Amino acid sequence: MDGHTDNYGEDSYNEGLSLKRANVVADAWAMGGQIPRSNLTTQGLGKKYPIASNKTAQGRAENRRVAVVITTP
């Protein structure tokens, strides 16, 4: 689970926020499914990888997200 933020705020704050965001999603997946939490990894990427422009409210909202990355062992 890769957490992301928009470009507002300090880098260290956004990295922590994006990690918290990813952890919340991973915890929800573990509680709601048959996936052990230990099998889910998280990282906070902050504002490094926007998918939309941060110049508009819509773009900033799109950048505040968690991307689920599925890999095989």
PDB file of N, CA and C in Angstrom:
ATOM      1  N   MET A   1       0.850  -1.153   0.000  1.00  0.00           N
ATOM      2  CA  MET A   1       0.000   0.000   0.000  1.00  0.00           C
ATOM      3  C   MET A   1       0.911   1.235   0.000  1.00  0.00           C
ATOM      4  N   ASP A   2       0.757   2.047  -1.012  1.00  0.00           N
ATOM      5  CA  ASP A   2       1.554   3.267  -1.141  1.00  0.00           C
ATOM      6  C   ASP A   2       0.666   4.469  -0.851  1.00  0.00           C
ATOM      7  N   GLY A   3       0.973   5.186   0.227  1.00  0.00           N
ATOM      8  CA  GLY A   3       0.217   6.372   0.579  1.00  0.00           C
ATOM      9  C   GLY A   3       0.783   7.603  -0.100  1.00  0.00           C
ATOM     10  N   HIS A   4      -0.103   8.504  -0.508  1.00  0.00           N
ATOM     11  CA  HIS A   4       0.284   9.729  -1.208  1.00  0.00           C
ATOM     12  C   HIS A   4      -0.461  10.927  -0.619  1.00  0.00           C
ATOM     13  N   THR A   5       0.091  12.121  -0.838  1.00  0.00           N
ATOM     14  CA  THR A   5      -0.550  13.366  -0.414  1.00  0.00           C
ATOM     15  C   THR A   5      -0.513  14.367  -1.567  1.00  0.00           C
ATOM     16  N   ASP A   6      -1.177  15.497  -1.353  1.00  0.00           N
ATOM     17  CA  ASP A   6      -1.023  16.602  -2.296  1.00  0.00           C
ATOM     18  C   ASP A   6       0.262  17.344  -1.934  1.00  0.00           C
ATOM     19  N   ASN A   7       0.498  18.492  -2.551  1.00  0.00           N
ATOM     20  CA  ASN A   7       1.779  19.169  -2.342  1.00  0.00           C
ATOM     21  C   ASN A   7       1.758  20.226  -1.242  1.00  0.00           C
ATOM     22  N   TYR A   8       0.700  20.299  -0.459  1.00  0.00           N
ATOM     23  CA  TYR A   8       0.657  21.277   0.624  1.00  0.00           C
ATOM     24  C   TYR A   8       1.299  20.716   1.877  1.00  0.00           C
ATOM     25  N   GLY A   9       2.069  21.532   2.563  1.00  0.00           N
ATOM     26  CA  GLY A   9       2.705  21.126   3.805  1.00  0.00           C
ATOM     27  C   GLY A   9       4.162  20.740   3.614  1.00  0.00           C
ATOM     28  N   GLU A  10       4.822  20.581   4.744  1.00  0.00           N
ATOM     29  CA  GLU A  10       6.237  20.213   4.754  1.00  0.00           C
ATOM     30  C   GLU A  10       6.414  18.763   4.308  1.00  0.00           C
ATOM     31  N   ASP A  11       7.562  18.469   3.730  1.00  0.00           N
ATOM     32  CA  ASP A  11       7.838  17.113   3.256  1.00  0.00           C
ATOM     33  C   ASP A  11       7.708  16.080   4.366  1.00  0.00           C
ATOM     34  N   SER A  12       8.292  16.361   5.523  1.00  0.00           N
ATOM     35  CA  SER A  12       8.260  15.386   6.619  1.00  0.00           C
ATOM     36  C   SER A  12       6.832  15.136   7.100  1.00  0.00           C
ATOM     37  N   TYR A  13       6.023  16.177   7.146  1.00  0.00           N
ATOM     38  CA  TYR A  13       4.620  16.015   7.545  1.00  0.00           C
ATOM     39  C   TYR A  13       3.878  15.159   6.526  1.00  0.00           C
ATOM     40  N   ASN A  14       4.056  15.461   5.240  1.00  0.00           N
ATOM     41  CA  ASN A  14       3.359  14.722   4.195  1.00  0.00           C
ATOM     42  C   ASN A  14       3.794  13.261   4.141  1.00  0.00           C
ATOM     43  N   GLU A  15       5.066  12.992   4.386  1.00  0.00           N
ATOM     44  CA  GLU A  15       5.521  11.602   4.389  1.00  0.00           C
ATOM     45  C   GLU A  15       4.878  10.833   5.541  1.00  0.00           C
ATOM     46  N   GLY A  16       4.798  11.450   6.710  1.00  0.00           N
ATOM     47  CA  GLY A  16       4.131  10.805   7.843  1.00  0.00           C
ATOM     48  C   GLY A  16       2.647  10.616   7.600  1.00  0.00           C
ATOM     49  N   LEU A  17       2.000  11.637   7.038  1.00  0.00           N
ATOM     50  CA  LEU A  17       0.570  11.553   6.740  1.00  0.00           C
ATOM     51  C   LEU A  17       0.288  10.463   5.714  1.00  0.00           C
ATOM     52  N   SER A  18       1.107  10.391   4.692  1.00  0.00           N
ATOM     53  CA  SER A  18       0.882   9.378   3.657  1.00  0.00           C
ATOM     54  C   SER A  18       1.094   7.971   4.209  1.00  0.00           C
ATOM     55  N   LEU A  19       2.027   7.796   5.132  1.00  0.00           N
ATOM     56  CA  LEU A  19       2.221   6.491   5.762  1.00  0.00           C
ATOM     57  C   LEU A  19       1.024   6.129   6.630  1.00  0.00           C
ATOM     58  N   LYS A  20       0.518   7.085   7.395  1.00  0.00           N
ATOM     59  CA  LYS A  20      -0.681   6.833   8.205  1.00  0.00           C
ATOM     60  C   LYS A  20      -1.851   6.437   7.317  1.00  0.00           C
ATOM     61  N   ARG A  21      -1.999   7.119   6.213  1.00  0.00           N
ATOM     62  CA  ARG A  21      -3.082   6.832   5.267  1.00  0.00           C
ATOM     63  C   ARG A  21      -2.959   5.393   4.742  1.00  0.00           C
ATOM     64  N   ALA A  22      -1.755   4.987   4.375  1.00  0.00           N
ATOM     65  CA  ALA A  22      -1.536   3.623   3.876  1.00  0.00           C
ATOM     66  C   ALA A  22      -1.803   2.591   4.968  1.00  0.00           C
ATOM     67  N   ASN A  23      -1.397   2.886   6.197  1.00  0.00           N
ATOM     68  CA  ASN A  23      -1.622   1.953   7.306  1.00  0.00           C
ATOM     69  C   ASN A  23      -3.106   1.770   7.605  1.00  0.00           C
ATOM     70  N   VAL A  24      -3.884   2.829   7.518  1.00  0.00           N
ATOM     71  CA  VAL A  24      -5.331   2.726   7.755  1.00  0.00           C
ATOM     72  C   VAL A  24      -5.966   1.798   6.722  1.00  0.00           C
ATOM     73  N   VAL A  25      -5.574   1.943   5.469  1.00  0.00           N
ATOM     74  CA  VAL A  25      -6.127   1.086   4.423  1.00  0.00           C
ATOM     75  C   VAL A  25      -5.685  -0.363   4.627  1.00  0.00           C
ATOM     76  N   ALA A  26      -4.422  -0.581   4.938  1.00  0.00           N
ATOM     77  CA  ALA A  26      -3.931  -1.944   5.168  1.00  0.00           C
ATOM     78  C   ALA A  26      -4.637  -2.580   6.360  1.00  0.00           C
ATOM     79  N   ASP A  27      -4.839  -1.826   7.429  1.00  0.00           N
ATOM     80  CA  ASP A  27      -5.554  -2.351   8.600  1.00  0.00           C
ATOM     81  C   ASP A  27      -6.981  -2.733   8.237  1.00  0.00           C
ATOM     82  N   ALA A  28      -7.640  -1.909   7.434  1.00  0.00           N
ATOM     83  CA  ALA A  28      -9.019  -2.202   7.022  1.00  0.00           C
ATOM     84  C   ALA A  28      -9.070  -3.461   6.166  1.00  0.00           C
ATOM     85  N   TRP A  29      -8.122  -3.621   5.264  1.00  0.00           N
ATOM     86  CA  TRP A  29      -8.079  -4.836   4.443  1.00  0.00           C
ATOM     87  C   TRP A  29      -7.877  -6.062   5.319  1.00  0.00           C
ATOM     88  N   ALA A  30      -6.988  -5.965   6.298  1.00  0.00           N
ATOM     89  CA  ALA A  30      -6.705  -7.110   7.168  1.00  0.00           C
ATOM     90  C   ALA A  30      -7.916  -7.465   8.022  1.00  0.00           C
ATOM     91  N   MET A  31      -8.633  -6.469   8.504  1.00  0.00           N
ATOM     92  CA  MET A  31      -9.804  -6.724   9.347  1.00  0.00           C
ATOM     93  C   MET A  31     -10.981  -7.247   8.535  1.00  0.00           C
ATOM     94  N   GLY A  32     -11.108  -6.816   7.303  1.00  0.00           N
ATOM     95  CA  GLY A  32     -12.278  -7.172   6.513  1.00  0.00           C
ATOM     96  C   GLY A  32     -12.100  -8.383   5.622  1.00  0.00           C
ATOM     97  N   GLY A  33     -10.900  -8.869   5.501  1.00  0.00           N
ATOM     98  CA  GLY A  33     -10.666  -9.980   4.582  1.00  0.00           C
ATOM     99  C   GLY A  33      -9.875 -11.096   5.217  1.00  0.00           C
ATOM    100  N   GLN A  34      -9.460 -11.985   4.398  1.00  0.00           N
ATOM    101  CA  GLN A  34      -8.682 -13.132   4.850  1.00  0.00           C
ATOM    102  C   GLN A  34      -7.188 -12.902   4.614  1.00  0.00           C
ATOM    103  N   ILE A  35      -6.754 -11.671   4.780  1.00  0.00           N
ATOM    104  CA  ILE A  35      -5.361 -11.316   4.530  1.00  0.00           C
ATOM    105  C   ILE A  35      -4.684 -10.987   5.856  1.00  0.00           C
ATOM    106  N   PRO A  36      -3.673 -11.746   6.256  1.00  0.00           N
ATOM    107  CA  PRO A  36      -2.952 -11.392   7.483  1.00  0.00           C
ATOM    108  C   PRO A  36      -2.273 -10.025   7.324  1.00  0.00           C
ATOM    109  N   ARG A  37      -2.350  -9.218   8.351  1.00  0.00           N
ATOM    110  CA  ARG A  37      -1.750  -7.873   8.286  1.00  0.00           C
ATOM    111  C   ARG A  37      -0.257  -7.962   8.007  1.00  0.00           C
ATOM    112  N   SER A  38       0.374  -9.036   8.463  1.00  0.00           N
ATOM    113  CA  SER A  38       1.814  -9.195   8.237  1.00  0.00           C
ATOM    114  C   SER A  38       2.152  -9.385   6.753  1.00  0.00           C
ATOM    115  N   ASN A  39       1.164  -9.725   5.938  1.00  0.00           N
ATOM    116  CA  ASN A  39       1.382  -9.870   4.494  1.00  0.00           C
ATOM    117  C   ASN A  39       1.213  -8.554   3.743  1.00  0.00           C
ATOM    118  N   LEU A  40       0.791  -7.521   4.425  1.00  0.00           N
ATOM    119  CA  LEU A  40       0.550  -6.227   3.787  1.00  0.00           C
ATOM    120  C   LEU A  40       1.649  -5.248   4.188  1.00  0.00           C
ATOM    121  N   THR A  41       2.308  -4.682   3.218  1.00  0.00           N
ATOM    122  CA  THR A  41       3.351  -3.700   3.499  1.00  0.00           C
ATOM    123  C   THR A  41       2.855  -2.308   3.124  1.00  0.00           C
ATOM    124  N   THR A  42       3.375  -1.322   3.822  1.00  0.00           N
ATOM    125  CA  THR A  42       2.972   0.056   3.573  1.00  0.00           C
ATOM    126  C   THR A  42       4.193   0.944   3.445  1.00  0.00           C
ATOM    127  N   GLN A  43       4.017   2.018   2.701  1.00  0.00           N
ATOM    128  CA  GLN A  43       5.041   3.057   2.646  1.00  0.00           C
ATOM    129  C   GLN A  43       4.373   4.395   2.391  1.00  0.00           C
ATOM    130  N   GLY A  44       4.971   5.419   2.944  1.00  0.00           N
ATOM    131  CA  GLY A  44       4.479   6.774   2.748  1.00  0.00           C
ATOM    132  C   GLY A  44       5.364   7.498   1.757  1.00  0.00           C
ATOM    133  N   LEU A  45       4.801   7.882   0.644  1.00  0.00           N
ATOM    134  CA  LEU A  45       5.576   8.532  -0.411  1.00  0.00           C
ATOM    135  C   LEU A  45       5.374  10.042  -0.453  1.00  0.00           C
ATOM    136  N   GLY A  46       4.516  10.543   0.417  1.00  0.00           N
ATOM    137  CA  GLY A  46       4.300  11.988   0.463  1.00  0.00           C
ATOM    138  C   GLY A  46       3.795  12.537  -0.859  1.00  0.00           C
ATOM    139  N   LYS A  47       4.388  13.646  -1.273  1.00  0.00           N
ATOM    140  CA  LYS A  47       3.933  14.347  -2.482  1.00  0.00           C
ATOM    141  C   LYS A  47       4.804  14.051  -3.704  1.00  0.00           C
ATOM    142  N   LYS A  48       5.622  13.013  -3.643  1.00  0.00           N
ATOM    143  CA  LYS A  48       6.603  12.733  -4.696  1.00  0.00           C
ATOM    144  C   LYS A  48       6.007  12.314  -6.035  1.00  0.00           C
ATOM    145  N   TYR A  49       4.867  11.648  -6.036  1.00  0.00           N
ATOM    146  CA  TYR A  49       4.336  11.067  -7.270  1.00  0.00           C
ATOM    147  C   TYR A  49       2.890  11.496  -7.522  1.00  0.00           C
ATOM    148  N   PRO A  50       2.671  12.752  -7.857  1.00  0.00           N
ATOM    149  CA  PRO A  50       1.298  13.197  -8.125  1.00  0.00           C
ATOM    150  C   PRO A  50       0.759  12.564  -9.406  1.00  0.00           C
ATOM    151  N   ILE A  51      -0.546  12.328  -9.421  1.00  0.00           N
ATOM    152  CA  ILE A  51      -1.199  11.819 -10.634  1.00  0.00           C
ATOM    153  C   ILE A  51      -2.036  12.906 -11.298  1.00  0.00           C
ATOM    154  N   ALA A  52      -2.133  14.051 -10.652  1.00  0.00           N
ATOM    155  CA  ALA A  52      -2.918  15.170 -11.170  1.00  0.00           C
ATOM    156  C   ALA A  52      -2.235  16.470 -10.763  1.00  0.00           C
ATOM    157  N   SER A  53      -2.670  17.562 -11.354  1.00  0.00           N
ATOM    158  CA  SER A  53      -2.120  18.868 -11.026  1.00  0.00           C
ATOM    159  C   SER A  53      -2.507  19.269  -9.608  1.00  0.00           C
ATOM    160  N   ASN A  54      -1.571  19.832  -8.890  1.00  0.00           N
ATOM    161  CA  ASN A  54      -1.864  20.350  -7.556  1.00  0.00           C
ATOM    162  C   ASN A  54      -2.360  21.793  -7.605  1.00  0.00           C
ATOM    163  N   LYS A  55      -2.611  22.314  -8.791  1.00  0.00           N
ATOM    164  CA  LYS A  55      -3.067  23.696  -8.949  1.00  0.00           C
ATOM    165  C   LYS A  55      -4.567  23.847  -8.746  1.00  0.00           C
ATOM    166  N   THR A  56      -5.294  22.729  -8.753  1.00  0.00           N
ATOM    167  CA  THR A  56      -6.746  22.786  -8.567  1.00  0.00           C
ATOM    168  C   THR A  56      -7.156  21.924  -7.379  1.00  0.00           C
ATOM    169  N   ALA A  57      -8.308  22.237  -6.802  1.00  0.00           N
ATOM    170  CA  ALA A  57      -8.823  21.436  -5.684  1.00  0.00           C
ATOM    171  C   ALA A  57      -9.074  19.999  -6.126  1.00  0.00           C
ATOM    172  N   GLN A  58      -9.601  19.828  -7.327  1.00  0.00           N
ATOM    173  CA  GLN A  58      -9.859  18.478  -7.855  1.00  0.00           C
ATOM    174  C   GLN A  58      -8.556  17.684  -7.978  1.00  0.00           C
ATOM    175  N   GLY A  59      -7.528  18.309  -8.510  1.00  0.00           N
ATOM    176  CA  GLY A  59      -6.236  17.643  -8.663  1.00  0.00           C
ATOM    177  C   GLY A  59      -5.628  17.270  -7.326  1.00  0.00           C
ATOM    178  N   ARG A  60      -5.689  18.188  -6.364  1.00  0.00           N
ATOM    179  CA  ARG A  60      -5.151  17.885  -5.031  1.00  0.00           C
ATOM    180  C   ARG A  60      -5.900  16.727  -4.399  1.00  0.00           C
ATOM    181  N   ALA A  61      -7.221  16.687  -4.582  1.00  0.00           N
ATOM    182  CA  ALA A  61      -8.021  15.584  -4.034  1.00  0.00           C
ATOM    183  C   ALA A  61      -7.598  14.253  -4.661  1.00  0.00           C
ATOM    184  N   GLU A  62      -7.325  14.253  -5.952  1.00  0.00           N
ATOM    185  CA  GLU A  62      -6.892  13.024  -6.624  1.00  0.00           C
ATOM    186  C   GLU A  62      -5.524  12.568  -6.134  1.00  0.00           C
ATOM    187  N   ASN A  63      -4.678  13.499  -5.752  1.00  0.00           N
ATOM    188  CA  ASN A  63      -3.342  13.150  -5.274  1.00  0.00           C
ATOM    189  C   ASN A  63      -3.346  12.602  -3.850  1.00  0.00           C
ATOM    190  N   ARG A  64      -4.386  12.854  -3.094  1.00  0.00           N
ATOM    191  CA  ARG A  64      -4.510  12.309  -1.731  1.00  0.00           C
ATOM    192  C   ARG A  64      -5.136  10.925  -1.844  1.00  0.00           C
ATOM    193  N   ARG A  65      -4.287   9.898  -1.882  1.00  0.00           N
ATOM    194  CA  ARG A  65      -4.773   8.558  -2.197  1.00  0.00           C
ATOM    195  C   ARG A  65      -3.867   7.485  -1.607  1.00  0.00           C
ATOM    196  N   VAL A  66      -4.354   6.252  -1.681  1.00  0.00           N
ATOM    197  CA  VAL A  66      -3.543   5.074  -1.396  1.00  0.00           C
ATOM    198  C   VAL A  66      -3.613   4.183  -2.627  1.00  0.00           C
ATOM    199  N   ALA A  67      -2.466   3.816  -3.137  1.00  0.00           N
ATOM    200  CA  ALA A  67      -2.390   2.899  -4.277  1.00  0.00           C
ATOM    201  C   ALA A  67      -2.112   1.499  -3.738  1.00  0.00           C
ATOM    202  N   VAL A  68      -2.908   0.553  -4.165  1.00  0.00           N
ATOM    203  CA  VAL A  68      -2.718  -0.838  -3.765  1.00  0.00           C
ATOM    204  C   VAL A  68      -1.864  -1.507  -4.834  1.00  0.00           C
ATOM    205  N   VAL A  69      -0.686  -1.956  -4.430  1.00  0.00           N
ATOM    206  CA  VAL A  69       0.255  -2.597  -5.345  1.00  0.00           C
ATOM    207  C   VAL A  69       0.301  -4.078  -4.986  1.00  0.00           C
ATOM    208  N   ILE A  70      -0.087  -4.921  -5.924  1.00  0.00           N
ATOM    209  CA  ILE A  70      -0.137  -6.358  -5.662  1.00  0.00           C
ATOM    210  C   ILE A  70       1.076  -7.019  -6.309  1.00  0.00           C
ATOM    211  N   THR A  71       1.809  -7.776  -5.492  1.00  0.00           N
ATOM    212  CA  THR A  71       2.974  -8.508  -5.984  1.00  0.00           C
ATOM    213  C   THR A  71       2.839  -9.977  -5.605  1.00  0.00           C
ATOM    214  N   THR A  72       3.587 -10.811  -6.269  1.00  0.00           N
ATOM    215  CA  THR A  72       3.581 -12.232  -5.933  1.00  0.00           C
ATOM    216  C   THR A  72       4.850 -12.562  -5.157  1.00  0.00           C
ATOM    217  N   PRO A  73       4.768 -13.557  -4.298  1.00  0.00           N
ATOM    218  CA  PRO A  73       5.952 -13.912  -3.487  1.00  0.00           C
ATOM    219  C   PRO A  73       7.084 -14.476  -4.317  1.00  0.00           C
TER     220      PRO A  73
END
